[in-house]
Amino acid sequence: MIVAVLTAACGAPPPLKSNTYLKDTSLLATGDCTAPCFHGITPGKTTFTDAVTKVKADQAFSNIQSQDKPPQAGWSTTGGEACCQMTANDSGVVDAVIAKVTPDVTLQQVIDKFGQPQYAYTVDYSSDEVAVAVIFPEKGVVVWVSPGNPASKLTGDSPVVIELFIDPAKWSDVLSTATLQAWAGFQSYQSYKSGTPVVTPRVTPTPGG
């Protein structure tokens, strides 16, 4: 899931940073809906049916499209920009919500709220933009930040461009399929890209092997 967020694009991908994406500060929210809660939807707790109802009633969204088998939904900003997706498990409970957001929240703000992340993952998104997934497993939060081009460095001012909220109970499944580097602070993009992974996919035994 972490990998598929940005590697599915082919051809000329849309920009990572855009002011047309969802203007959202769910990451920094306080009160009854703190991350991984997103607009009243909490992965691992909110049913898919209730979540779709919440999305349809939210004035920040438009063009909601959903299906029940498998349970998933997608929707847009009020301006019509596709921004968000949601999936649920076989029991009908939301397990993940992802949103492309305007670059208004910084990595330092996220770290100030959640503490030090545990993992990082890099993607050469385009010739002009790279992305780093900064991962907080116990919080059920992943933020994709875009520090700039391949020669750039992660800083506290690196903007969050994608929010991914996951049921914390699913992290063992996520980690079993991921290749991740350890978080090492504000380093160059290339340092993370060339770093030795601390998490690698578990090998599935072949039948009869």
N, C-alpha and C. Protein backbone atom coordinates (compact mmCIF):
# COMPACT_ATOMS: atom_id res chain seq x y z
N MET A 1 0.83 -1.21 0.00
CA MET A 1 0.00 0.00 0.00
C MET A 1 0.86 1.26 0.00
N ILE A 2 1.92 1.26 0.84
CA ILE A 2 2.79 2.42 0.89
C ILE A 2 3.45 2.64 -0.46
N VAL A 3 3.93 1.56 -1.04
CA VAL A 3 4.63 1.64 -2.31
C VAL A 3 3.68 2.03 -3.44
N ALA A 4 2.50 1.43 -3.46
CA ALA A 4 1.58 1.61 -4.58
C ALA A 4 1.05 3.02 -4.70
N VAL A 5 1.14 3.81 -3.64
CA VAL A 5 0.60 5.17 -3.67
C VAL A 5 1.19 5.98 -4.82
N LEU A 6 2.50 5.86 -5.03
CA LEU A 6 3.16 6.70 -6.01
C LEU A 6 3.79 5.95 -7.17
N THR A 7 3.80 4.65 -7.14
CA THR A 7 4.46 3.92 -8.22
C THR A 7 3.50 3.46 -9.30
N ALA A 8 2.21 3.70 -9.13
CA ALA A 8 1.24 3.25 -10.12
C ALA A 8 1.16 4.18 -11.33
N ALA A 9 1.70 5.41 -11.19
CA ALA A 9 1.59 6.37 -12.28
C ALA A 9 2.46 5.97 -13.45
N CYS A 10 1.96 6.21 -14.66
CA CYS A 10 2.76 5.96 -15.85
C CYS A 10 2.62 7.18 -16.76
N GLY A 11 3.55 7.34 -17.68
CA GLY A 11 3.54 8.53 -18.50
C GLY A 11 3.94 9.73 -17.66
N ALA A 12 3.44 10.91 -18.03
CA ALA A 12 3.73 12.13 -17.28
C ALA A 12 2.78 12.21 -16.09
N PRO A 13 3.29 12.02 -14.88
CA PRO A 13 2.40 12.02 -13.72
C PRO A 13 1.97 13.43 -13.34
N PRO A 14 0.87 13.56 -12.62
CA PRO A 14 0.48 14.87 -12.12
C PRO A 14 1.50 15.36 -11.10
N PRO A 15 1.60 16.67 -10.88
CA PRO A 15 2.60 17.17 -9.93
C PRO A 15 2.31 16.69 -8.51
N LEU A 16 3.37 16.52 -7.73
CA LEU A 16 3.17 16.18 -6.32
C LEU A 16 2.64 17.36 -5.53
N LYS A 17 3.16 18.54 -5.82
CA LYS A 17 2.74 19.74 -5.10
C LYS A 17 1.76 20.54 -5.95
N SER A 18 0.58 20.79 -5.41
CA SER A 18 -0.43 21.57 -6.13
C SER A 18 -1.40 22.20 -5.15
N ASN A 19 -1.75 23.43 -5.40
CA ASN A 19 -2.73 24.11 -4.56
C ASN A 19 -4.16 23.75 -4.93
N THR A 20 -4.33 22.86 -5.93
CA THR A 20 -5.68 22.43 -6.31
C THR A 20 -6.11 21.18 -5.54
N TYR A 21 -5.17 20.54 -4.81
CA TYR A 21 -5.52 19.35 -4.04
C TYR A 21 -6.30 19.76 -2.79
N LEU A 22 -6.61 18.78 -1.97
CA LEU A 22 -7.44 19.02 -0.79
C LEU A 22 -6.70 19.89 0.22
N LYS A 23 -7.32 20.97 0.63
CA LYS A 23 -6.76 21.81 1.70
C LYS A 23 -7.20 21.19 3.02
N ASP A 24 -6.26 20.58 3.73
CA ASP A 24 -6.63 19.75 4.87
C ASP A 24 -5.55 19.79 5.95
N THR A 25 -6.00 19.85 7.20
CA THR A 25 -5.06 19.85 8.32
C THR A 25 -5.41 18.73 9.30
N SER A 26 -5.98 17.63 8.79
CA SER A 26 -6.35 16.51 9.66
C SER A 26 -5.16 15.99 10.47
N LEU A 27 -3.97 16.07 9.88
CA LEU A 27 -2.78 15.59 10.57
C LEU A 27 -2.54 16.31 11.89
N LEU A 28 -2.87 17.58 11.92
CA LEU A 28 -2.58 18.40 13.09
C LEU A 28 -3.79 18.62 13.98
N ALA A 29 -4.91 17.98 13.65
CA ALA A 29 -6.15 18.20 14.40
C ALA A 29 -6.03 17.73 15.85
N THR A 30 -6.76 18.39 16.70
CA THR A 30 -6.86 17.99 18.10
C THR A 30 -8.34 17.75 18.42
N GLY A 31 -8.61 17.26 19.62
CA GLY A 31 -10.00 17.02 19.99
C GLY A 31 -10.42 15.59 19.76
N ASP A 32 -11.65 15.42 19.28
CA ASP A 32 -12.22 14.07 19.15
C ASP A 32 -11.74 13.34 17.90
N CYS A 33 -11.18 14.05 16.94
CA CYS A 33 -10.76 13.41 15.69
C CYS A 33 -9.30 13.72 15.43
N THR A 34 -8.42 12.98 16.11
CA THR A 34 -6.99 13.13 15.88
C THR A 34 -6.50 11.96 15.04
N ALA A 35 -5.47 12.21 14.25
CA ALA A 35 -4.95 11.19 13.34
C ALA A 35 -4.64 9.90 14.09
N PRO A 36 -5.05 8.74 13.50
CA PRO A 36 -5.42 8.55 12.09
C PRO A 36 -6.87 8.85 11.74
N CYS A 37 -7.58 9.58 12.56
CA CYS A 37 -8.94 10.00 12.21
C CYS A 37 -8.87 11.06 11.11
N PHE A 38 -9.73 10.93 10.11
CA PHE A 38 -9.76 11.84 8.97
C PHE A 38 -11.21 12.21 8.71
N HIS A 39 -11.58 13.46 9.00
CA HIS A 39 -12.93 13.95 8.77
C HIS A 39 -13.98 13.02 9.40
N GLY A 40 -13.71 12.59 10.62
CA GLY A 40 -14.65 11.73 11.34
C GLY A 40 -14.54 10.26 11.02
N ILE A 41 -13.59 9.87 10.17
CA ILE A 41 -13.40 8.47 9.77
C ILE A 41 -12.12 7.95 10.40
N THR A 42 -12.22 6.89 11.19
CA THR A 42 -11.04 6.33 11.85
C THR A 42 -10.82 4.90 11.36
N PRO A 43 -9.74 4.66 10.62
CA PRO A 43 -9.43 3.29 10.19
C PRO A 43 -9.36 2.34 11.38
N GLY A 44 -10.00 1.18 11.21
CA GLY A 44 -10.05 0.20 12.28
C GLY A 44 -11.26 0.34 13.18
N LYS A 45 -12.01 1.44 13.03
CA LYS A 45 -13.17 1.68 13.89
C LYS A 45 -14.44 2.01 13.11
N THR A 46 -14.33 2.89 12.12
CA THR A 46 -15.51 3.36 11.39
C THR A 46 -15.92 2.34 10.33
N THR A 47 -17.21 2.03 10.28
CA THR A 47 -17.68 1.12 9.23
C THR A 47 -17.64 1.83 7.89
N PHE A 48 -17.54 1.05 6.84
CA PHE A 48 -17.49 1.62 5.50
C PHE A 48 -18.78 2.36 5.20
N THR A 49 -19.90 1.80 5.59
CA THR A 49 -21.20 2.45 5.35
C THR A 49 -21.27 3.81 6.02
N ASP A 50 -20.86 3.88 7.29
CA ASP A 50 -20.86 5.16 8.00
C ASP A 50 -19.88 6.14 7.38
N ALA A 51 -18.72 5.62 6.94
CA ALA A 51 -17.72 6.50 6.36
C ALA A 51 -18.21 7.14 5.06
N VAL A 52 -18.87 6.35 4.21
CA VAL A 52 -19.41 6.91 2.97
C VAL A 52 -20.45 7.98 3.27
N THR A 53 -21.27 7.73 4.29
CA THR A 53 -22.27 8.73 4.69
C THR A 53 -21.59 10.02 5.14
N LYS A 54 -20.51 9.90 5.90
CA LYS A 54 -19.78 11.08 6.37
C LYS A 54 -19.17 11.85 5.20
N VAL A 55 -18.60 11.13 4.25
CA VAL A 55 -17.99 11.80 3.10
C VAL A 55 -19.04 12.55 2.30
N LYS A 56 -20.19 11.91 2.07
CA LYS A 56 -21.25 12.56 1.30
C LYS A 56 -21.79 13.80 1.99
N ALA A 57 -21.74 13.83 3.31
CA ALA A 57 -22.27 14.97 4.06
C ALA A 57 -21.23 16.08 4.25
N ASP A 58 -19.97 15.80 3.91
CA ASP A 58 -18.89 16.76 4.16
C ASP A 58 -18.81 17.77 3.04
N GLN A 59 -18.93 19.05 3.35
CA GLN A 59 -18.93 20.09 2.33
C GLN A 59 -17.56 20.32 1.70
N ALA A 60 -16.52 19.66 2.23
CA ALA A 60 -15.19 19.78 1.63
C ALA A 60 -15.03 18.87 0.43
N PHE A 61 -16.02 17.99 0.19
CA PHE A 61 -15.87 16.96 -0.84
C PHE A 61 -16.98 17.04 -1.89
N SER A 62 -16.72 16.39 -3.04
CA SER A 62 -17.72 16.28 -4.10
C SER A 62 -17.45 15.00 -4.88
N ASN A 63 -18.41 14.65 -5.74
CA ASN A 63 -18.23 13.54 -6.69
C ASN A 63 -17.82 12.24 -6.01
N ILE A 64 -18.57 11.84 -5.02
CA ILE A 64 -18.26 10.61 -4.30
C ILE A 64 -18.69 9.40 -5.11
N GLN A 65 -17.76 8.47 -5.34
CA GLN A 65 -18.04 7.22 -6.05
C GLN A 65 -17.67 6.08 -5.12
N SER A 66 -18.58 5.11 -4.93
CA SER A 66 -18.28 4.01 -4.02
C SER A 66 -18.83 2.70 -4.55
N GLN A 67 -18.26 1.60 -4.06
CA GLN A 67 -18.74 0.26 -4.38
C GLN A 67 -18.59 -0.60 -3.13
N ASP A 68 -19.36 -1.67 -3.08
CA ASP A 68 -19.37 -2.53 -1.89
C ASP A 68 -18.50 -3.77 -2.02
N LYS A 69 -18.24 -4.25 -3.24
CA LYS A 69 -17.47 -5.49 -3.41
C LYS A 69 -16.38 -5.30 -4.46
N PRO A 70 -15.11 -5.12 -4.03
CA PRO A 70 -14.70 -4.90 -2.64
C PRO A 70 -15.07 -3.50 -2.19
N PRO A 71 -15.19 -3.27 -0.88
CA PRO A 71 -15.59 -1.95 -0.39
C PRO A 71 -14.49 -0.92 -0.59
N GLN A 72 -14.76 0.05 -1.44
CA GLN A 72 -13.81 1.14 -1.66
C GLN A 72 -14.56 2.34 -2.21
N ALA A 73 -13.97 3.51 -2.03
CA ALA A 73 -14.61 4.75 -2.47
C ALA A 73 -13.54 5.75 -2.87
N GLY A 74 -13.92 6.66 -3.75
CA GLY A 74 -13.06 7.76 -4.14
C GLY A 74 -13.87 9.02 -4.27
N TRP A 75 -13.25 10.15 -4.07
CA TRP A 75 -13.98 11.40 -4.17
C TRP A 75 -13.04 12.55 -4.47
N SER A 76 -13.63 13.74 -4.69
CA SER A 76 -12.88 14.91 -5.13
C SER A 76 -13.06 16.07 -4.16
N THR A 77 -12.26 17.10 -4.38
CA THR A 77 -12.46 18.35 -3.65
C THR A 77 -13.72 19.03 -4.17
N THR A 78 -14.14 20.09 -3.53
CA THR A 78 -15.30 20.83 -4.03
C THR A 78 -15.01 21.46 -5.39
N GLY A 79 -13.73 21.65 -5.69
CA GLY A 79 -13.36 22.20 -6.99
C GLY A 79 -13.28 21.15 -8.08
N GLY A 80 -13.52 19.87 -7.73
CA GLY A 80 -13.54 18.82 -8.72
C GLY A 80 -12.23 18.10 -8.92
N GLU A 81 -11.22 18.38 -8.09
CA GLU A 81 -9.92 17.71 -8.19
C GLU A 81 -9.97 16.39 -7.43
N ALA A 82 -9.71 15.28 -8.14
CA ALA A 82 -9.68 13.98 -7.48
C ALA A 82 -8.63 14.01 -6.38
N CYS A 83 -9.01 13.64 -5.17
CA CYS A 83 -8.08 13.81 -4.05
C CYS A 83 -7.96 12.60 -3.15
N CYS A 84 -9.04 11.82 -3.03
CA CYS A 84 -9.10 10.93 -1.88
C CYS A 84 -9.63 9.55 -2.23
N GLN A 85 -9.13 8.55 -1.49
CA GLN A 85 -9.61 7.18 -1.66
C GLN A 85 -9.71 6.51 -0.29
N MET A 86 -10.55 5.50 -0.22
CA MET A 86 -10.78 4.79 1.04
C MET A 86 -11.05 3.32 0.73
N THR A 87 -10.52 2.43 1.54
CA THR A 87 -10.78 1.00 1.41
C THR A 87 -11.25 0.45 2.75
N ALA A 88 -11.89 -0.71 2.69
CA ALA A 88 -12.36 -1.37 3.91
C ALA A 88 -12.04 -2.85 3.83
N ASN A 89 -12.05 -3.52 4.99
CA ASN A 89 -11.74 -4.94 5.03
C ASN A 89 -13.00 -5.78 4.78
N ASP A 90 -12.85 -7.08 4.86
CA ASP A 90 -13.97 -7.98 4.57
C ASP A 90 -15.09 -7.86 5.60
N SER A 91 -14.78 -7.30 6.76
CA SER A 91 -15.80 -7.10 7.79
C SER A 91 -16.54 -5.78 7.63
N GLY A 92 -16.18 -5.02 6.60
CA GLY A 92 -16.86 -3.76 6.36
C GLY A 92 -16.40 -2.62 7.22
N VAL A 93 -15.16 -2.71 7.73
CA VAL A 93 -14.58 -1.64 8.54
C VAL A 93 -13.47 -0.98 7.74
N VAL A 94 -13.44 0.33 7.72
CA VAL A 94 -12.43 1.07 6.98
C VAL A 94 -11.04 0.68 7.48
N ASP A 95 -10.13 0.38 6.54
CA ASP A 95 -8.77 0.06 6.96
C ASP A 95 -7.74 1.08 6.48
N ALA A 96 -8.09 1.94 5.51
CA ALA A 96 -7.15 2.95 5.05
C ALA A 96 -7.87 4.10 4.36
N VAL A 97 -7.34 5.30 4.54
CA VAL A 97 -7.81 6.50 3.85
C VAL A 97 -6.58 7.26 3.36
N ILE A 98 -6.62 7.70 2.12
CA ILE A 98 -5.49 8.45 1.57
C ILE A 98 -5.99 9.72 0.91
N ALA A 99 -5.22 10.80 1.04
CA ALA A 99 -5.64 12.08 0.46
C ALA A 99 -4.43 12.84 -0.07
N LYS A 100 -4.57 13.37 -1.28
CA LYS A 100 -3.57 14.30 -1.82
C LYS A 100 -3.93 15.69 -1.29
N VAL A 101 -2.97 16.37 -0.68
CA VAL A 101 -3.28 17.62 0.01
C VAL A 101 -2.39 18.76 -0.50
N THR A 102 -2.88 19.97 -0.30
CA THR A 102 -2.08 21.14 -0.64
C THR A 102 -0.86 21.20 0.27
N PRO A 103 0.25 21.75 -0.21
CA PRO A 103 1.51 21.71 0.56
C PRO A 103 1.57 22.75 1.66
N ASP A 104 0.65 22.66 2.62
CA ASP A 104 0.55 23.66 3.68
C ASP A 104 1.08 23.19 5.03
N VAL A 105 1.20 21.86 5.20
CA VAL A 105 1.70 21.29 6.45
C VAL A 105 3.13 20.83 6.23
N THR A 106 4.02 21.16 7.17
CA THR A 106 5.42 20.79 7.02
C THR A 106 5.75 19.51 7.79
N LEU A 107 6.85 18.89 7.38
CA LEU A 107 7.30 17.68 8.06
C LEU A 107 7.61 17.96 9.53
N GLN A 108 8.19 19.12 9.82
CA GLN A 108 8.50 19.44 11.22
C GLN A 108 7.24 19.53 12.07
N GLN A 109 6.17 20.09 11.52
CA GLN A 109 4.91 20.14 12.26
C GLN A 109 4.40 18.75 12.59
N VAL A 110 4.54 17.83 11.66
CA VAL A 110 4.09 16.45 11.89
C VAL A 110 4.96 15.79 12.97
N ILE A 111 6.27 15.97 12.89
CA ILE A 111 7.16 15.39 13.89
C ILE A 111 6.90 16.00 15.27
N ASP A 112 6.63 17.29 15.31
CA ASP A 112 6.32 17.94 16.60
C ASP A 112 5.09 17.31 17.24
N LYS A 113 4.15 16.86 16.40
CA LYS A 113 2.91 16.28 16.94
C LYS A 113 3.06 14.81 17.29
N PHE A 114 3.72 14.04 16.43
CA PHE A 114 3.75 12.58 16.60
C PHE A 114 5.06 12.03 17.15
N GLY A 115 6.09 12.87 17.25
CA GLY A 115 7.38 12.37 17.67
C GLY A 115 8.18 11.88 16.48
N GLN A 116 9.31 11.22 16.75
CA GLN A 116 10.18 10.77 15.67
C GLN A 116 9.55 9.62 14.89
N PRO A 117 9.60 9.68 13.56
CA PRO A 117 9.12 8.55 12.76
C PRO A 117 10.05 7.36 12.90
N GLN A 118 9.61 6.22 12.38
CA GLN A 118 10.41 5.00 12.50
C GLN A 118 11.05 4.60 11.17
N TYR A 119 10.33 4.82 10.07
CA TYR A 119 10.82 4.36 8.77
C TYR A 119 10.68 5.45 7.71
N ALA A 120 11.39 5.21 6.59
CA ALA A 120 11.28 6.08 5.42
C ALA A 120 11.32 5.21 4.17
N TYR A 121 10.73 5.74 3.10
CA TYR A 121 10.72 5.03 1.82
C TYR A 121 10.79 6.07 0.72
N THR A 122 11.61 5.85 -0.30
CA THR A 122 11.83 6.86 -1.34
C THR A 122 11.25 6.44 -2.68
N VAL A 123 10.84 7.44 -3.46
CA VAL A 123 10.35 7.20 -4.82
C VAL A 123 10.86 8.31 -5.73
N ASP A 124 11.51 7.92 -6.85
CA ASP A 124 11.86 8.88 -7.90
C ASP A 124 10.58 9.14 -8.70
N TYR A 125 9.83 10.14 -8.30
CA TYR A 125 8.50 10.36 -8.88
C TYR A 125 8.59 10.87 -10.31
N SER A 126 9.41 11.89 -10.54
CA SER A 126 9.62 12.44 -11.87
C SER A 126 11.01 13.04 -11.92
N SER A 127 11.39 13.61 -13.07
CA SER A 127 12.72 14.21 -13.17
C SER A 127 12.85 15.44 -12.29
N ASP A 128 11.72 16.05 -11.94
CA ASP A 128 11.75 17.28 -11.15
C ASP A 128 11.33 17.09 -9.69
N GLU A 129 10.66 15.99 -9.40
CA GLU A 129 10.14 15.79 -8.05
C GLU A 129 10.43 14.38 -7.54
N VAL A 130 10.87 14.31 -6.30
CA VAL A 130 11.01 13.04 -5.61
C VAL A 130 10.09 13.08 -4.39
N ALA A 131 9.86 11.91 -3.82
CA ALA A 131 8.99 11.83 -2.65
C ALA A 131 9.59 10.89 -1.63
N VAL A 132 9.34 11.19 -0.37
CA VAL A 132 9.77 10.33 0.72
C VAL A 132 8.57 10.06 1.62
N ALA A 133 8.28 8.78 1.82
CA ALA A 133 7.25 8.41 2.79
C ALA A 133 7.89 8.38 4.17
N VAL A 134 7.33 9.14 5.08
CA VAL A 134 7.80 9.19 6.46
C VAL A 134 6.75 8.50 7.31
N ILE A 135 7.17 7.46 8.04
CA ILE A 135 6.22 6.47 8.55
C ILE A 135 6.21 6.42 10.07
N PHE A 136 5.00 6.51 10.62
CA PHE A 136 4.77 6.44 12.07
C PHE A 136 3.86 5.23 12.33
N PRO A 137 4.39 4.02 12.41
CA PRO A 137 3.55 2.82 12.46
C PRO A 137 2.58 2.80 13.63
N GLU A 138 3.05 3.14 14.82
CA GLU A 138 2.19 3.04 16.00
C GLU A 138 1.04 4.05 15.96
N LYS A 139 1.21 5.11 15.18
CA LYS A 139 0.16 6.12 15.05
C LYS A 139 -0.80 5.80 13.90
N GLY A 140 -0.42 4.86 13.03
CA GLY A 140 -1.24 4.58 11.86
C GLY A 140 -1.18 5.70 10.83
N VAL A 141 -0.02 6.38 10.76
CA VAL A 141 0.12 7.56 9.90
C VAL A 141 1.35 7.43 9.02
N VAL A 142 1.16 7.74 7.73
CA VAL A 142 2.27 7.89 6.78
C VAL A 142 2.07 9.24 6.09
N VAL A 143 3.12 10.04 6.04
CA VAL A 143 3.05 11.28 5.26
C VAL A 143 4.08 11.20 4.15
N TRP A 144 3.63 11.52 2.94
CA TRP A 144 4.55 11.64 1.81
C TRP A 144 4.94 13.10 1.72
N VAL A 145 6.25 13.35 1.77
CA VAL A 145 6.74 14.72 1.62
C VAL A 145 7.56 14.81 0.34
N SER A 146 7.60 16.01 -0.23
CA SER A 146 8.36 16.21 -1.46
C SER A 146 9.40 17.30 -1.22
N PRO A 147 10.66 16.90 -0.97
CA PRO A 147 11.70 17.89 -0.69
C PRO A 147 12.15 18.66 -1.92
N GLY A 148 11.88 18.14 -3.11
CA GLY A 148 12.32 18.81 -4.33
C GLY A 148 12.75 17.79 -5.38
N ASN A 149 13.88 18.06 -6.05
CA ASN A 149 14.38 17.16 -7.09
C ASN A 149 15.29 16.10 -6.49
N PRO A 150 15.86 15.20 -7.30
CA PRO A 150 16.69 14.12 -6.75
C PRO A 150 17.92 14.58 -5.98
N ALA A 151 18.34 15.84 -6.17
CA ALA A 151 19.51 16.37 -5.45
C ALA A 151 19.12 17.08 -4.15
N SER A 152 17.85 17.03 -3.79
CA SER A 152 17.36 17.79 -2.65
C SER A 152 17.62 17.08 -1.33
N LYS A 153 17.31 17.77 -0.25
CA LYS A 153 17.48 17.25 1.10
C LYS A 153 16.19 17.43 1.88
N LEU A 154 15.85 16.44 2.67
CA LEU A 154 14.72 16.58 3.57
C LEU A 154 15.03 17.62 4.64
N THR A 155 14.08 18.51 4.88
CA THR A 155 14.22 19.50 5.95
C THR A 155 12.91 19.58 6.71
N GLY A 156 12.92 20.34 7.78
CA GLY A 156 11.68 20.53 8.52
C GLY A 156 10.62 21.24 7.72
N ASP A 157 11.04 21.99 6.71
CA ASP A 157 10.09 22.72 5.88
C ASP A 157 9.59 21.91 4.69
N SER A 158 10.07 20.68 4.50
CA SER A 158 9.58 19.86 3.40
C SER A 158 8.08 19.67 3.54
N PRO A 159 7.30 19.96 2.49
CA PRO A 159 5.85 19.94 2.61
C PRO A 159 5.24 18.55 2.49
N VAL A 160 4.21 18.31 3.26
CA VAL A 160 3.42 17.09 3.15
C VAL A 160 2.52 17.23 1.92
N VAL A 161 2.55 16.23 1.03
CA VAL A 161 1.73 16.27 -0.18
C VAL A 161 0.70 15.15 -0.22
N ILE A 162 0.89 14.11 0.59
CA ILE A 162 -0.08 13.01 0.67
C ILE A 162 -0.17 12.56 2.12
N GLU A 163 -1.40 12.36 2.59
CA GLU A 163 -1.65 11.79 3.92
C GLU A 163 -2.21 10.38 3.74
N LEU A 164 -1.67 9.44 4.48
CA LEU A 164 -2.17 8.06 4.44
C LEU A 164 -2.43 7.62 5.87
N PHE A 165 -3.69 7.29 6.16
CA PHE A 165 -4.09 6.85 7.50
C PHE A 165 -4.47 5.37 7.42
N ILE A 166 -3.83 4.55 8.25
CA ILE A 166 -4.03 3.11 8.22
C ILE A 166 -4.40 2.60 9.61
N ASP A 167 -5.25 1.59 9.65
CA ASP A 167 -5.56 0.91 10.91
C ASP A 167 -4.24 0.42 11.52
N PRO A 168 -3.85 0.91 12.70
CA PRO A 168 -2.57 0.48 13.28
C PRO A 168 -2.45 -1.03 13.42
N ALA A 169 -3.57 -1.73 13.55
CA ALA A 169 -3.54 -3.18 13.69
C ALA A 169 -3.09 -3.88 12.40
N LYS A 170 -3.10 -3.17 11.28
CA LYS A 170 -2.71 -3.77 10.00
C LYS A 170 -1.22 -3.61 9.71
N TRP A 171 -0.47 -3.01 10.61
CA TRP A 171 0.92 -2.73 10.27
C TRP A 171 1.76 -3.98 10.08
N SER A 172 1.43 -5.05 10.77
CA SER A 172 2.20 -6.28 10.54
C SER A 172 2.03 -6.75 9.11
N ASP A 173 0.83 -6.59 8.54
CA ASP A 173 0.60 -6.96 7.14
C ASP A 173 1.37 -6.02 6.20
N VAL A 174 1.34 -4.72 6.51
CA VAL A 174 2.03 -3.74 5.67
C VAL A 174 3.53 -4.01 5.66
N LEU A 175 4.08 -4.23 6.84
CA LEU A 175 5.53 -4.41 6.94
C LEU A 175 5.99 -5.71 6.30
N SER A 176 5.10 -6.69 6.20
CA SER A 176 5.50 -7.96 5.60
C SER A 176 5.72 -7.86 4.10
N THR A 177 5.25 -6.77 3.49
CA THR A 177 5.38 -6.62 2.03
C THR A 177 6.23 -5.41 1.64
N ALA A 178 6.83 -4.73 2.63
CA ALA A 178 7.50 -3.46 2.36
C ALA A 178 9.02 -3.58 2.42
N THR A 179 9.69 -2.65 1.75
CA THR A 179 11.13 -2.47 1.87
C THR A 179 11.36 -1.05 2.36
N LEU A 180 11.84 -0.91 3.58
CA LEU A 180 11.90 0.40 4.23
C LEU A 180 13.28 0.67 4.83
N GLN A 181 13.66 1.94 4.80
CA GLN A 181 14.87 2.38 5.48
C GLN A 181 14.51 2.90 6.88
N ALA A 182 15.49 2.89 7.76
CA ALA A 182 15.28 3.48 9.09
C ALA A 182 15.27 5.00 8.97
N TRP A 183 14.42 5.65 9.74
CA TRP A 183 14.44 7.11 9.77
C TRP A 183 15.76 7.57 10.38
N ALA A 184 16.42 8.51 9.73
CA ALA A 184 17.72 9.00 10.20
C ALA A 184 17.77 10.51 10.24
N GLY A 185 16.63 11.15 10.39
CA GLY A 185 16.60 12.60 10.49
C GLY A 185 16.62 13.27 9.14
N PHE A 186 16.97 14.54 9.17
CA PHE A 186 16.94 15.35 7.95
C PHE A 186 18.21 15.10 7.15
N GLN A 187 18.11 14.16 6.21
CA GLN A 187 19.22 13.75 5.37
C GLN A 187 18.90 14.08 3.91
N SER A 188 19.89 13.93 3.05
CA SER A 188 19.64 14.12 1.63
C SER A 188 18.76 12.99 1.11
N TYR A 189 18.05 13.29 0.05
CA TYR A 189 17.20 12.27 -0.57
C TYR A 189 18.03 11.06 -0.98
N GLN A 190 19.20 11.31 -1.55
CA GLN A 190 20.04 10.22 -2.02
C GLN A 190 20.54 9.34 -0.87
N SER A 191 20.75 9.93 0.31
CA SER A 191 21.17 9.14 1.47
C SER A 191 20.10 8.12 1.84
N TYR A 192 18.86 8.54 1.80
CA TYR A 192 17.78 7.59 2.08
C TYR A 192 17.63 6.57 0.94
N LYS A 193 17.73 7.05 -0.28
CA LYS A 193 17.55 6.14 -1.42
C LYS A 193 18.61 5.03 -1.42
N SER A 194 19.82 5.36 -1.05
CA SER A 194 20.92 4.39 -1.09
C SER A 194 21.12 3.67 0.24
N GLY A 195 20.31 3.99 1.24
CA GLY A 195 20.48 3.38 2.56
C GLY A 195 20.13 1.90 2.56
N THR A 196 20.71 1.17 3.49
CA THR A 196 20.42 -0.25 3.64
C THR A 196 19.06 -0.44 4.28
N PRO A 197 18.16 -1.18 3.68
CA PRO A 197 16.84 -1.37 4.27
C PRO A 197 16.92 -2.08 5.63
N VAL A 198 16.05 -1.66 6.53
CA VAL A 198 15.93 -2.35 7.82
C VAL A 198 14.69 -3.24 7.85
N VAL A 199 13.81 -3.06 6.86
CA VAL A 199 12.64 -3.92 6.68
C VAL A 199 12.64 -4.39 5.24
N THR A 200 12.52 -5.68 5.04
CA THR A 200 12.42 -6.24 3.69
C THR A 200 11.24 -7.20 3.64
N PRO A 201 10.67 -7.43 2.46
CA PRO A 201 9.51 -8.34 2.37
C PRO A 201 9.83 -9.72 2.90
N ARG A 202 8.90 -10.29 3.64
CA ARG A 202 9.08 -11.66 4.12
C ARG A 202 8.94 -12.62 2.95
N VAL A 203 9.79 -13.61 2.91
CA VAL A 203 9.75 -14.61 1.84
C VAL A 203 8.64 -15.61 2.12
N THR A 204 7.77 -15.80 1.15
CA THR A 204 6.70 -16.78 1.30
C THR A 204 7.19 -18.13 0.81
N PRO A 205 7.17 -19.14 1.67
CA PRO A 205 7.65 -20.45 1.25
C PRO A 205 6.83 -20.99 0.08
N THR A 206 7.50 -21.62 -0.85
CA THR A 206 6.80 -22.22 -1.99
C THR A 206 6.24 -23.57 -1.58
N PRO A 207 5.12 -23.96 -2.13
CA PRO A 207 4.53 -25.27 -1.77
C PRO A 207 5.52 -26.40 -2.01
N GLY A 208 5.70 -27.22 -1.01
CA GLY A 208 6.58 -28.35 -1.13
C GLY A 208 8.04 -28.03 -0.92
N GLY A 209 8.33 -26.68 -0.66
CA GLY A 209 9.72 -26.32 -0.48
C GLY A 209 10.20 -26.53 0.92
